[in-house]
C-alpha atoms as a PDB file:
ATOM      1  CA  MET A   1      27.026 -76.271  91.990  1.00  0.00           C
ATOM      2  CA  ARG A   2      24.383 -76.895  94.379  1.00  0.00           C
ATOM      3  CA  ALA A   3      22.188 -74.162  95.974  1.00  0.00           C
ATOM      4  CA  TYR A   4      20.989 -74.582  99.506  1.00  0.00           C
ATOM      5  CA  ILE A   5      18.414 -71.815 101.153  1.00  0.00           C
ATOM      6  CA  GLY A   6      17.618 -72.938 104.712  1.00  0.00           C
ATOM      7  CA  GLY A   7      18.699 -76.408 104.272  1.00  0.00           C
ATOM      8  CA  HIS A   8      16.480 -76.909 101.319  1.00  0.00           C
ATOM      9  CA  GLN A   9      18.115 -77.430  97.968  1.00  0.00           C
ATOM     10  CA  ALA A  10      17.008 -75.043  94.993  1.00  0.00           C
ATOM     11  CA  VAL A  11      17.282 -76.654  91.470  1.00  0.00           C
ATOM     12  CA  SER A  12      15.341 -74.471  89.631  1.00  0.00           C
ATOM     13  CA  THR A  13      14.155 -70.705  89.410  1.00  0.00           C
ATOM     14  CA  ASP A  14      11.046 -71.703  90.957  1.00  0.00           C
ATOM     15  CA  ASP A  15      12.419 -73.303  93.821  1.00  0.00           C
ATOM     16  CA  PHE A  16      14.314 -70.066  94.631  1.00  0.00           C
ATOM     17  CA  ILE A  17      11.478 -68.078  94.448  1.00  0.00           C
ATOM     18  CA  GLU A  18       9.440 -70.367  96.415  1.00  0.00           C
ATOM     19  CA  LEU A  19      12.041 -70.589  99.030  1.00  0.00           C
ATOM     20  CA  ALA A  20      12.207 -66.526  99.147  1.00  0.00           C
ATOM     21  CA  LEU A  21       8.232 -66.545  99.602  1.00  0.00           C
ATOM     22  CA  GLY A  22       7.536 -69.314 101.777  1.00  0.00           C
ATOM     23  CA  THR A  23       4.761 -70.192  99.471  1.00  0.00           C
ATOM     24  CA  PRO A  24       4.306 -71.806  96.079  1.00  0.00           C
ATOM     25  CA  VAL A  25       4.463 -69.099  93.567  1.00  0.00           C
ATOM     26  CA  GLU A  26       0.695 -70.668  92.111  1.00  0.00           C
ATOM     27  CA  LEU A  27      -0.657 -69.639  95.035  1.00  0.00           C
ATOM     28  CA  TRP A  28      -0.373 -65.644  94.237  1.00  0.00           C
ATOM     29  CA  LEU A  29      -0.202 -66.275  90.624  1.00  0.00           C
ATOM     30  CA  GLY A  30      -2.905 -68.830  90.140  1.00  0.00           C
ATOM     31  CA  GLU A  31      -2.939 -71.753  87.384  1.00  0.00           C
ATOM     32  CA  GLU A  32      -3.908 -72.269  83.837  1.00  0.00           C
ATOM     33  CA  GLY A  33      -7.406 -73.969  84.083  1.00  0.00           C
ATOM     34  CA  GLU A  34      -8.218 -73.577  87.213  1.00  0.00           C
ATOM     35  CA  SER A  35     -12.147 -73.529  88.272  1.00  0.00           C
ATOM     36  CA  GLU A  36     -13.574 -70.413  89.786  1.00  0.00           C
ATOM     37  CA  GLU A  37     -13.989 -72.797  92.867  1.00  0.00           C
ATOM     38  CA  GLU A  38     -10.386 -73.399  93.053  1.00  0.00           C
ATOM     39  CA  ARG A  39      -9.321 -69.836  92.190  1.00  0.00           C
ATOM     40  CA  ALA A  40     -11.595 -68.951  95.368  1.00  0.00           C
ATOM     41  CA  ALA A  41      -9.837 -71.668  97.846  1.00  0.00           C
ATOM     42  CA  ARG A  42      -6.439 -70.170  96.335  1.00  0.00           C
ATOM     43  CA  LEU A  43      -7.352 -66.650  97.087  1.00  0.00           C
ATOM     44  CA  ASP A  44      -8.770 -67.445 100.806  1.00  0.00           C
ATOM     45  CA  ALA A  45      -5.790 -69.225 101.429  1.00  0.00           C
ATOM     46  CA  ALA A  46      -3.573 -66.393 100.298  1.00  0.00           C
ATOM     47  CA  ARG A  47      -5.454 -63.708 102.461  1.00  0.00           C
ATOM     48  CA  ASP A  48      -5.039 -66.252 105.275  1.00  0.00           C
ATOM     49  CA  ILE A  49      -1.088 -65.943 104.836  1.00  0.00           C
ATOM     50  CA  LEU A  50      -1.349 -62.362 104.505  1.00  0.00           C
ATOM     51  CA  ALA A  51      -3.371 -61.849 107.600  1.00  0.00           C
ATOM     52  CA  ASP A  52      -1.021 -64.272 109.512  1.00  0.00           C
ATOM     53  CA  ASN A  53       2.361 -62.957 108.067  1.00  0.00           C
ATOM     54  CA  PRO A  54       1.571 -58.939 107.643  1.00  0.00           C
ATOM     55  CA  GLU A  55       5.255 -58.446 106.861  1.00  0.00           C
ATOM     56  CA  LEU A  56       5.716 -60.642 103.795  1.00  0.00           C
ATOM     57  CA  PRO A  57       4.565 -57.888 100.899  1.00  0.00           C
ATOM     58  CA  ASP A  58       7.274 -55.751 102.449  1.00  0.00           C
ATOM     59  CA  ALA A  59      10.053 -59.056 102.487  1.00  0.00           C
ATOM     60  CA  VAL A  60       8.629 -59.852  99.055  1.00  0.00           C
ATOM     61  CA  SER A  61       9.293 -56.183  97.797  1.00  0.00           C
ATOM     62  CA  ARG A  62      12.631 -56.019  99.591  1.00  0.00           C
ATOM     63  CA  VAL A  63      14.039 -59.382  97.457  1.00  0.00           C
ATOM     64  CA  VAL A  64      12.569 -58.225  94.484  1.00  0.00           C
ATOM     65  CA  ALA A  65      14.219 -54.799  94.886  1.00  0.00           C
ATOM     66  CA  GLU A  66      17.540 -56.802  95.568  1.00  0.00           C
ATOM     67  CA  VAL A  67      17.273 -58.554  92.652  1.00  0.00           C
ATOM     68  CA  ILE A  68      16.509 -56.013  90.161  1.00  0.00           C
ATOM     69  CA  GLU A  69      18.980 -53.877  91.173  1.00  0.00           C
ATOM     70  CA  ALA A  70      21.787 -57.101  91.167  1.00  0.00           C
ATOM     71  CA  HIS A  71      20.721 -57.747  87.687  1.00  0.00           C
ATOM     72  CA  ALA A  72      19.224 -54.389  86.149  1.00  0.00           C
ATOM     73  CA  PRO A  73      21.607 -54.737  83.081  1.00  0.00           C
ATOM     74  CA  GLU A  74      20.812 -57.892  82.023  1.00  0.00           C
ATOM     75  CA  LEU A  75      16.958 -57.718  82.488  1.00  0.00           C
ATOM     76  CA  PHE A  76      16.472 -54.494  81.002  1.00  0.00           C
ATOM     77  CA  ASN A  77      19.326 -54.811  78.084  1.00  0.00           C
ATOM     78  CA  VAL A  78      20.695 -51.680  78.792  1.00  0.00           C
ATOM     79  CA  VAL A  79      23.346 -50.452  76.369  1.00  0.00           C
ATOM     80  CA  PRO A  80      24.916 -47.097  76.585  1.00  0.00           C
ATOM     81  CA  LEU A  81      23.921 -45.001  73.358  1.00  0.00           C
ATOM     82  CA  ALA A  82      26.608 -43.202  71.874  1.00  0.00           C
ATOM     83  CA  ARG A  83      25.901 -39.407  71.206  1.00  0.00           C
ATOM     84  CA  PRO A  84      25.600 -38.134  67.827  1.00  0.00           C
ATOM     85  CA  ALA A  85      27.934 -35.339  66.931  1.00  0.00           C
ATOM     86  CA  GLY A  86      26.850 -31.855  66.027  1.00  0.00           C
ATOM     87  CA  ARG A  87      25.898 -31.174  62.780  1.00  0.00           C
ATOM     88  CA  ARG A  88      26.495 -27.875  61.022  1.00  0.00           C
ATOM     89  CA  TRP A  89      24.693 -27.018  57.813  1.00  0.00           C
ATOM     90  CA  PRO A  90      26.487 -24.543  55.397  1.00  0.00           C
ATOM     91  CA  SER A  91      25.379 -21.148  55.885  1.00  0.00           C
ATOM     92  CA  ARG A  92      23.225 -19.424  52.941  1.00  0.00           C
ATOM     93  CA  LYS A  93      23.656 -16.149  53.771  1.00  0.00           C
ATOM     94  CA  GLY A  94      25.781 -14.056  51.196  1.00  0.00           C
ATOM     95  CA  ALA A  95      24.962 -13.295  47.604  1.00  0.00           C
ATOM     96  CA  ALA A  96      24.086 -15.688  45.129  1.00  0.00           C
ATOM     97  CA  ALA A  97      26.680 -16.377  42.310  1.00  0.00           C
END
C-alpha cells in the first residue's frame, strides 16, 4: 500500500515527519558529527524558517498531540492493572491458650 501526502509519496517514517513539518528532520535535530560551523548554519536556517512561518511550532505540536492520542496504548504500553484483593489478617484479640 502506498501513502501519498500532498502528491508526495511517503515510504518511511522520516518521510511522513518531513512532509508534516515541511522541512527535513535533520534541520531541527542535527546530524551526528556535524561541525560547529554546520551547526550554526543549520540553526540560522531554522530561525529563518520560524521567522517566516510563526505558526509552525503550533502546527507541529498539534500533529504530535494527534499522533500521541491515536497511538497512546502502543507508545506507552499501557496495560490495566488488576486491583489486589483486600487481605484480612486474623484477629489477635482474646486470651492466649
